[in-house]
């Protein structure tokens, strides 16, 4: 990630935006700390996002018991 001062960023804003569009993260600093970040745009559509989340969820581990049974077991002090 490249860091620019506020003065540099104000002079080179179109170039910094182009960097972010190319996938680079750009930091803008006041000298002592980063005060702003330019992130690459998220090109994922809403449908793609939900498809990805659905696939990740289905690929995850399945639980061996439902929440009601788990809470009852915990309440009753059953350690298994």
N, C-alpha and C. Protein backbone atom coordinates (compact mmCIF):
# COMPACT_ATOMS: atom_id res chain seq x y z
N UNK A 1 0.86 -1.17 0.00
CA UNK A 1 0.00 0.00 0.00
C UNK A 1 0.91 1.23 0.00
N UNK A 2 0.66 2.10 -0.93
CA UNK A 2 1.41 3.35 -1.00
C UNK A 2 0.71 4.41 -0.16
N UNK A 3 1.51 5.25 0.47
CA UNK A 3 0.99 6.32 1.31
C UNK A 3 1.37 7.66 0.73
N UNK A 4 0.42 8.58 0.69
CA UNK A 4 0.63 9.93 0.16
C UNK A 4 0.23 10.93 1.23
N UNK A 5 0.89 12.07 1.22
CA UNK A 5 0.47 13.15 2.12
C UNK A 5 -0.81 13.76 1.57
N UNK A 6 -1.48 14.55 2.38
CA UNK A 6 -2.70 15.22 1.93
C UNK A 6 -2.40 16.13 0.75
N UNK A 7 -1.29 16.85 0.80
CA UNK A 7 -0.92 17.75 -0.30
C UNK A 7 -0.68 16.96 -1.59
N UNK A 8 0.05 15.84 -1.49
CA UNK A 8 0.29 15.00 -2.67
C UNK A 8 -1.03 14.45 -3.22
N UNK A 9 -1.88 14.01 -2.31
CA UNK A 9 -3.15 13.42 -2.73
C UNK A 9 -4.02 14.45 -3.45
N UNK A 10 -4.02 15.68 -2.96
CA UNK A 10 -4.86 16.69 -3.61
C UNK A 10 -4.34 17.04 -5.00
N UNK A 11 -3.02 16.97 -5.19
CA UNK A 11 -2.44 17.24 -6.50
C UNK A 11 -2.60 16.07 -7.48
N UNK A 12 -2.66 14.85 -6.95
CA UNK A 12 -2.64 13.65 -7.79
C UNK A 12 -3.89 12.80 -7.66
N UNK A 13 -5.00 13.37 -7.26
CA UNK A 13 -6.21 12.59 -7.01
C UNK A 13 -6.62 11.69 -8.17
N UNK A 14 -6.63 12.16 -9.42
CA UNK A 14 -7.01 11.25 -10.50
C UNK A 14 -6.09 10.03 -10.61
N UNK A 15 -4.80 10.22 -10.38
CA UNK A 15 -3.87 9.09 -10.43
C UNK A 15 -4.10 8.11 -9.28
N UNK A 16 -4.42 8.66 -8.10
CA UNK A 16 -4.67 7.79 -6.95
C UNK A 16 -5.95 6.98 -7.15
N UNK A 17 -6.95 7.60 -7.74
CA UNK A 17 -8.18 6.87 -8.05
C UNK A 17 -7.91 5.78 -9.06
N UNK A 18 -7.09 6.07 -10.05
CA UNK A 18 -6.72 5.05 -11.05
C UNK A 18 -5.99 3.89 -10.39
N UNK A 19 -5.11 4.19 -9.43
CA UNK A 19 -4.42 3.12 -8.70
C UNK A 19 -5.43 2.22 -7.99
N UNK A 20 -6.40 2.84 -7.31
CA UNK A 20 -7.41 2.07 -6.59
C UNK A 20 -8.23 1.22 -7.56
N UNK A 21 -8.57 1.77 -8.71
CA UNK A 21 -9.33 1.00 -9.70
C UNK A 21 -8.53 -0.19 -10.22
N UNK A 22 -7.21 -0.09 -10.21
CA UNK A 22 -6.35 -1.20 -10.65
C UNK A 22 -6.17 -2.25 -9.56
N UNK A 23 -6.76 -2.01 -8.39
CA UNK A 23 -6.69 -2.99 -7.32
C UNK A 23 -5.73 -2.66 -6.20
N UNK A 24 -5.11 -1.49 -6.26
CA UNK A 24 -4.18 -1.08 -5.21
C UNK A 24 -4.92 -0.35 -4.10
N UNK A 25 -4.45 -0.51 -2.87
CA UNK A 25 -4.99 0.25 -1.77
C UNK A 25 -4.08 1.47 -1.59
N UNK A 26 -4.66 2.64 -1.40
CA UNK A 26 -3.91 3.88 -1.29
C UNK A 26 -4.24 4.54 0.04
N UNK A 27 -3.20 4.92 0.79
CA UNK A 27 -3.40 5.60 2.07
C UNK A 27 -3.06 7.07 1.92
N UNK A 28 -3.81 7.90 2.62
CA UNK A 28 -3.55 9.33 2.66
C UNK A 28 -3.27 9.69 4.11
N UNK A 29 -2.13 10.36 4.31
CA UNK A 29 -1.64 10.63 5.66
C UNK A 29 -1.54 12.12 5.93
N UNK A 30 -1.73 12.49 7.20
CA UNK A 30 -1.51 13.89 7.58
C UNK A 30 -0.09 14.09 8.09
N UNK A 31 0.74 13.11 7.87
CA UNK A 31 2.13 13.15 8.33
C UNK A 31 2.36 12.22 9.50
N UNK A 32 1.45 12.22 10.46
CA UNK A 32 1.60 11.39 11.64
C UNK A 32 0.77 10.11 11.57
N UNK A 33 -0.36 10.16 10.86
CA UNK A 33 -1.25 9.01 10.84
C UNK A 33 -2.03 8.98 9.53
N UNK A 34 -2.51 7.80 9.20
CA UNK A 34 -3.36 7.64 8.02
C UNK A 34 -4.73 8.19 8.34
N UNK A 35 -5.23 9.09 7.49
CA UNK A 35 -6.53 9.71 7.74
C UNK A 35 -7.58 9.26 6.73
N UNK A 36 -7.15 8.61 5.64
CA UNK A 36 -8.11 8.14 4.64
C UNK A 36 -7.49 6.98 3.86
N UNK A 37 -8.35 6.08 3.39
CA UNK A 37 -7.92 4.96 2.55
C UNK A 37 -8.78 4.92 1.30
N UNK A 38 -8.14 4.68 0.17
CA UNK A 38 -8.87 4.40 -1.07
C UNK A 38 -8.74 2.91 -1.30
N UNK A 39 -9.87 2.22 -1.39
CA UNK A 39 -9.89 0.78 -1.60
C UNK A 39 -10.30 0.48 -3.03
N UNK A 40 -9.86 -0.66 -3.56
CA UNK A 40 -10.36 -1.07 -4.87
C UNK A 40 -11.88 -1.27 -4.81
N UNK A 41 -12.58 -0.97 -5.87
CA UNK A 41 -14.03 -1.15 -5.86
C UNK A 41 -14.41 -2.62 -5.79
N UNK A 42 -15.53 -2.90 -5.16
CA UNK A 42 -16.06 -4.25 -5.11
C UNK A 42 -16.86 -4.48 -6.38
N UNK A 43 -16.39 -5.34 -7.22
CA UNK A 43 -17.03 -5.58 -8.51
C UNK A 43 -18.06 -6.73 -8.45
N UNK A 44 -18.25 -7.30 -7.27
CA UNK A 44 -19.17 -8.41 -7.09
C UNK A 44 -20.62 -7.89 -7.08
N UNK A 45 -21.47 -8.48 -7.88
CA UNK A 45 -22.88 -8.08 -7.90
C UNK A 45 -23.58 -8.67 -6.67
N UNK A 46 -24.77 -8.18 -6.40
CA UNK A 46 -25.53 -8.69 -5.27
C UNK A 46 -25.81 -10.19 -5.43
N UNK A 47 -26.17 -10.61 -6.63
CA UNK A 47 -26.46 -12.02 -6.88
C UNK A 47 -25.20 -12.87 -6.67
N UNK A 48 -24.05 -12.36 -7.12
CA UNK A 48 -22.79 -13.09 -6.93
C UNK A 48 -22.44 -13.19 -5.45
N UNK A 49 -22.68 -12.11 -4.71
CA UNK A 49 -22.42 -12.11 -3.28
C UNK A 49 -23.24 -13.19 -2.58
N UNK A 50 -24.55 -13.22 -2.85
CA UNK A 50 -25.41 -14.20 -2.18
C UNK A 50 -25.08 -15.62 -2.61
N UNK A 51 -24.71 -15.82 -3.86
CA UNK A 51 -24.30 -17.15 -4.32
C UNK A 51 -23.03 -17.59 -3.59
N UNK A 52 -22.07 -16.68 -3.42
CA UNK A 52 -20.83 -17.01 -2.72
C UNK A 52 -21.10 -17.33 -1.25
N UNK A 53 -21.92 -16.53 -0.59
CA UNK A 53 -22.24 -16.77 0.82
C UNK A 53 -22.97 -18.11 0.97
N UNK A 54 -23.91 -18.37 0.06
CA UNK A 54 -24.64 -19.64 0.11
C UNK A 54 -23.69 -20.83 -0.05
N UNK A 55 -22.76 -20.75 -1.00
CA UNK A 55 -21.80 -21.83 -1.23
C UNK A 55 -20.88 -22.01 -0.02
N UNK A 56 -20.42 -20.91 0.56
CA UNK A 56 -19.56 -21.01 1.74
C UNK A 56 -20.31 -21.61 2.92
N UNK A 57 -21.58 -21.26 3.06
CA UNK A 57 -22.38 -21.80 4.15
C UNK A 57 -22.59 -23.30 3.98
N UNK A 58 -22.91 -23.72 2.77
CA UNK A 58 -23.13 -25.14 2.52
C UNK A 58 -21.85 -25.96 2.67
N UNK A 59 -20.72 -25.35 2.40
CA UNK A 59 -19.45 -26.05 2.51
C UNK A 59 -18.96 -26.15 3.95
N UNK A 60 -19.56 -25.36 4.84
CA UNK A 60 -19.12 -25.35 6.24
C UNK A 60 -19.53 -26.60 6.98
N UNK A 61 -19.07 -26.75 8.20
CA UNK A 61 -19.41 -27.93 8.98
C UNK A 61 -20.88 -27.94 9.37
N UNK A 62 -21.45 -29.13 9.41
CA UNK A 62 -22.85 -29.23 9.84
C UNK A 62 -22.87 -29.55 11.34
N UNK A 63 -23.85 -29.06 12.02
CA UNK A 63 -23.95 -29.28 13.45
C UNK A 63 -24.64 -30.62 13.70
N UNK A 64 -24.19 -31.30 14.72
CA UNK A 64 -24.77 -32.62 15.02
C UNK A 64 -26.06 -32.53 15.82
N UNK A 65 -26.34 -31.38 16.41
CA UNK A 65 -27.59 -31.22 17.14
C UNK A 65 -28.13 -29.81 16.93
N UNK A 66 -29.44 -29.67 17.13
CA UNK A 66 -30.03 -28.34 16.93
C UNK A 66 -29.82 -27.48 18.17
N UNK A 67 -30.10 -26.21 18.04
CA UNK A 67 -29.83 -25.25 19.11
C UNK A 67 -30.64 -25.54 20.37
N UNK A 68 -31.89 -25.97 20.22
CA UNK A 68 -32.73 -26.24 21.38
C UNK A 68 -32.12 -27.36 22.22
N UNK A 69 -31.71 -28.45 21.55
CA UNK A 69 -31.11 -29.57 22.28
C UNK A 69 -29.79 -29.16 22.93
N UNK A 70 -29.01 -28.36 22.25
CA UNK A 70 -27.73 -27.90 22.78
C UNK A 70 -27.96 -27.08 24.05
N UNK A 71 -28.90 -26.14 24.02
CA UNK A 71 -29.17 -25.30 25.19
C UNK A 71 -29.70 -26.15 26.34
N UNK A 72 -30.59 -27.08 26.05
CA UNK A 72 -31.12 -27.96 27.11
C UNK A 72 -29.99 -28.76 27.74
N UNK A 73 -29.10 -29.32 26.92
CA UNK A 73 -27.99 -30.10 27.43
C UNK A 73 -27.08 -29.24 28.29
N UNK A 74 -26.80 -28.02 27.85
CA UNK A 74 -25.96 -27.12 28.62
C UNK A 74 -26.64 -26.73 29.94
N UNK A 75 -27.95 -26.47 29.88
CA UNK A 75 -28.70 -26.09 31.08
C UNK A 75 -28.69 -27.21 32.11
N UNK A 76 -28.83 -28.43 31.62
CA UNK A 76 -28.92 -29.57 32.52
C UNK A 76 -27.55 -30.04 33.01
N UNK A 77 -26.49 -29.41 32.52
CA UNK A 77 -25.16 -29.75 33.00
C UNK A 77 -24.58 -31.00 32.38
N UNK A 78 -25.10 -31.46 31.28
CA UNK A 78 -24.57 -32.65 30.61
C UNK A 78 -23.30 -32.23 29.84
N UNK A 79 -22.14 -32.75 30.24
CA UNK A 79 -20.89 -32.31 29.63
C UNK A 79 -20.64 -32.87 28.21
N UNK A 80 -21.40 -33.82 27.76
CA UNK A 80 -21.11 -34.43 26.46
C UNK A 80 -21.53 -33.57 25.38
